[in-house]
Amino acid sequence: MKKEKIVTLDLTGCKYLGELHQRIKKAFDFPDFYGENWSAFDDLLWSECDADKVVVVGGDSVSKELSASVQTMKGILEEFQELCDKDGDPVEIEIRS
């Protein structure tokens, strides 16, 4: 039986957009060419993410300036989940406070 691969993205105390993207890069083990923007995040989810489950924690603790960015990221993850489900390769997305 294959072991479930879980990616945990901890945003606790994240203050800057660059820091947010660095945490994404590390959590998802994205390559060095990750462009640190939402288009690149979406692209690399499809080409580099082989997780069975993605857990996002600490999103409520980011700075006010990052709130919109966290919402954008959540939207991308939710769309990724929906499309993976339609493709028959489900990914569980869990967003914790």
C-alpha atoms as a PDB file:
ATOM      1  CA  MET A   1       0.000   0.000   0.000  1.00  0.00           C
ATOM      2  CA  LYS A   2       1.289   3.412  -0.992  1.00  0.00           C
ATOM      3  CA  LYS A   3       2.003   5.814   1.853  1.00  0.00           C
ATOM      4  CA  GLU A   4      -0.052   8.999   1.695  1.00  0.00           C
ATOM      5  CA  LYS A   5       2.022  12.069   0.813  1.00  0.00           C
ATOM      6  CA  ILE A   6       1.021  15.120   2.841  1.00  0.00           C
ATOM      7  CA  VAL A   7       2.280  18.640   2.167  1.00  0.00           C
ATOM      8  CA  THR A   8       1.974  20.981   5.150  1.00  0.00           C
ATOM      9  CA  LEU A   9       2.215  24.704   4.498  1.00  0.00           C
ATOM     10  CA  ASP A  10       2.647  26.662   7.731  1.00  0.00           C
ATOM     11  CA  LEU A  11       1.888  30.367   7.318  1.00  0.00           C
ATOM     12  CA  THR A  12       2.053  31.196  11.033  1.00  0.00           C
ATOM     13  CA  GLY A  13       3.399  34.711  11.499  1.00  0.00           C
ATOM     14  CA  CYS A  14       4.123  35.248   7.807  1.00  0.00           C
ATOM     15  CA  LYS A  15       4.506  38.984   7.169  1.00  0.00           C
ATOM     16  CA  TYR A  16       5.569  39.501   3.542  1.00  0.00           C
ATOM     17  CA  LEU A  17       4.542  38.183   0.140  1.00  0.00           C
ATOM     18  CA  GLY A  18       8.098  37.069  -0.632  1.00  0.00           C
ATOM     19  CA  GLU A  19       8.185  35.114   2.623  1.00  0.00           C
ATOM     20  CA  LEU A  20       4.827  33.523   1.754  1.00  0.00           C
ATOM     21  CA  HIS A  21       6.151  32.326  -1.594  1.00  0.00           C
ATOM     22  CA  GLN A  22       9.363  31.047   0.019  1.00  0.00           C
ATOM     23  CA  ARG A  23       7.271  28.983   2.428  1.00  0.00           C
ATOM     24  CA  ILE A  24       5.222  27.661  -0.496  1.00  0.00           C
ATOM     25  CA  LYS A  25       8.407  26.760  -2.376  1.00  0.00           C
ATOM     26  CA  LYS A  26       9.821  24.896   0.600  1.00  0.00           C
ATOM     27  CA  ALA A  27       6.595  23.096   1.588  1.00  0.00           C
ATOM     28  CA  PHE A  28       5.840  21.904  -1.943  1.00  0.00           C
ATOM     29  CA  ASP A  29       9.517  21.286  -2.737  1.00  0.00           C
ATOM     30  CA  PHE A  30       9.213  23.422  -5.863  1.00  0.00           C
ATOM     31  CA  PRO A  31      12.307  23.818  -8.060  1.00  0.00           C
ATOM     32  CA  ASP A  32      14.565  26.856  -7.957  1.00  0.00           C
ATOM     33  CA  PHE A  33      12.875  28.313 -11.039  1.00  0.00           C
ATOM     34  CA  TYR A  34       9.618  28.837  -9.099  1.00  0.00           C
ATOM     35  CA  GLY A  35       8.628  32.362 -10.135  1.00  0.00           C
ATOM     36  CA  GLU A  36       7.086  33.338  -6.774  1.00  0.00           C
ATOM     37  CA  ASN A  37       3.783  34.535  -8.223  1.00  0.00           C
ATOM     38  CA  TRP A  38       0.284  33.061  -8.349  1.00  0.00           C
ATOM     39  CA  SER A  39       0.524  31.990 -11.972  1.00  0.00           C
ATOM     40  CA  ALA A  40       3.731  30.061 -11.229  1.00  0.00           C
ATOM     41  CA  PHE A  41       2.133  28.523  -8.130  1.00  0.00           C
ATOM     42  CA  ASP A  42      -0.817  27.306 -10.186  1.00  0.00           C
ATOM     43  CA  ASP A  43       1.443  25.945 -12.939  1.00  0.00           C
ATOM     44  CA  LEU A  44       3.739  24.077 -10.546  1.00  0.00           C
ATOM     45  CA  LEU A  45       0.841  22.561  -8.624  1.00  0.00           C
ATOM     46  CA  TRP A  46      -0.024  20.741 -11.841  1.00  0.00           C
ATOM     47  CA  SER A  47       3.475  19.773 -12.866  1.00  0.00           C
ATOM     48  CA  GLU A  48       5.302  19.252  -9.549  1.00  0.00           C
ATOM     49  CA  CYS A  49       2.756  18.467  -6.831  1.00  0.00           C
ATOM     50  CA  ASP A  50       2.218  14.765  -6.225  1.00  0.00           C
ATOM     51  CA  ALA A  51       0.640  15.186  -2.795  1.00  0.00           C
ATOM     52  CA  ASP A  52      -2.401  13.230  -1.732  1.00  0.00           C
ATOM     53  CA  LYS A  53      -3.252  15.906   0.817  1.00  0.00           C
ATOM     54  CA  VAL A  54      -2.328  19.567   1.317  1.00  0.00           C
ATOM     55  CA  VAL A  55      -2.727  21.072   4.784  1.00  0.00           C
ATOM     56  CA  VAL A  56      -2.507  24.847   5.228  1.00  0.00           C
ATOM     57  CA  VAL A  57      -2.129  26.124   8.776  1.00  0.00           C
ATOM     58  CA  GLY A  58      -1.705  29.578  10.247  1.00  0.00           C
ATOM     59  CA  GLY A  59      -3.464  31.485   7.476  1.00  0.00           C
ATOM     60  CA  ASP A  60      -5.370  33.539  10.022  1.00  0.00           C
ATOM     61  CA  SER A  61      -2.140  34.717  11.657  1.00  0.00           C
ATOM     62  CA  VAL A  62      -0.601  36.448   8.631  1.00  0.00           C
ATOM     63  CA  SER A  63      -0.229  40.212   8.451  1.00  0.00           C
ATOM     64  CA  LYS A  64      -3.210  42.243   7.210  1.00  0.00           C
ATOM     65  CA  GLU A  65      -1.315  43.015   4.018  1.00  0.00           C
ATOM     66  CA  LEU A  66      -1.201  39.300   3.174  1.00  0.00           C
ATOM     67  CA  SER A  67      -4.868  38.498   3.779  1.00  0.00           C
ATOM     68  CA  ALA A  68      -5.822  38.988   0.119  1.00  0.00           C
ATOM     69  CA  SER A  69      -2.838  36.897  -1.008  1.00  0.00           C
ATOM     70  CA  VAL A  70      -3.834  34.060   1.315  1.00  0.00           C
ATOM     71  CA  GLN A  71      -7.355  34.168  -0.119  1.00  0.00           C
ATOM     72  CA  THR A  72      -5.904  34.002  -3.645  1.00  0.00           C
ATOM     73  CA  MET A  73      -3.781  31.003  -2.660  1.00  0.00           C
ATOM     74  CA  LYS A  74      -6.781  29.249  -1.103  1.00  0.00           C
ATOM     75  CA  GLY A  75      -8.787  29.830  -4.279  1.00  0.00           C
ATOM     76  CA  ILE A  76      -6.039  28.295  -6.414  1.00  0.00           C
ATOM     77  CA  LEU A  77      -5.844  25.281  -4.105  1.00  0.00           C
ATOM     78  CA  GLU A  78      -9.619  24.814  -4.127  1.00  0.00           C
ATOM     79  CA  GLU A  79      -9.723  24.961  -7.938  1.00  0.00           C
ATOM     80  CA  PHE A  80      -6.802  22.507  -8.081  1.00  0.00           C
ATOM     81  CA  GLN A  81      -8.748  20.141  -5.816  1.00  0.00           C
ATOM     82  CA  GLU A  82     -11.916  20.388  -7.918  1.00  0.00           C
ATOM     83  CA  LEU A  83     -10.103  19.716 -11.175  1.00  0.00           C
ATOM     84  CA  CYS A  84      -8.097  16.836  -9.707  1.00  0.00           C
ATOM     85  CA  ASP A  85     -11.338  15.272  -8.489  1.00  0.00           C
ATOM     86  CA  LYS A  86     -12.825  15.593 -11.997  1.00  0.00           C
ATOM     87  CA  ASP A  87      -9.692  13.969 -13.453  1.00  0.00           C
ATOM     88  CA  GLY A  88     -10.082  11.021 -11.097  1.00  0.00           C
ATOM     89  CA  ASP A  89      -6.903  11.831  -9.144  1.00  0.00           C
ATOM     90  CA  PRO A  90      -8.332  13.341  -5.944  1.00  0.00           C
ATOM     91  CA  VAL A  91      -6.309  15.617  -3.684  1.00  0.00           C
ATOM     92  CA  GLU A  92      -7.561  16.559  -0.256  1.00  0.00           C
ATOM     93  CA  ILE A  93      -7.120  20.222   0.689  1.00  0.00           C
ATOM     94  CA  GLU A  94      -7.438  21.043   4.390  1.00  0.00           C
ATOM     95  CA  ILE A  95      -7.268  24.675   5.467  1.00  0.00           C
ATOM     96  CA  ARG A  96      -6.982  25.147   9.206  1.00  0.00           C
ATOM     97  CA  SER A  97      -7.198  28.402  11.143  1.00  0.00           C
END
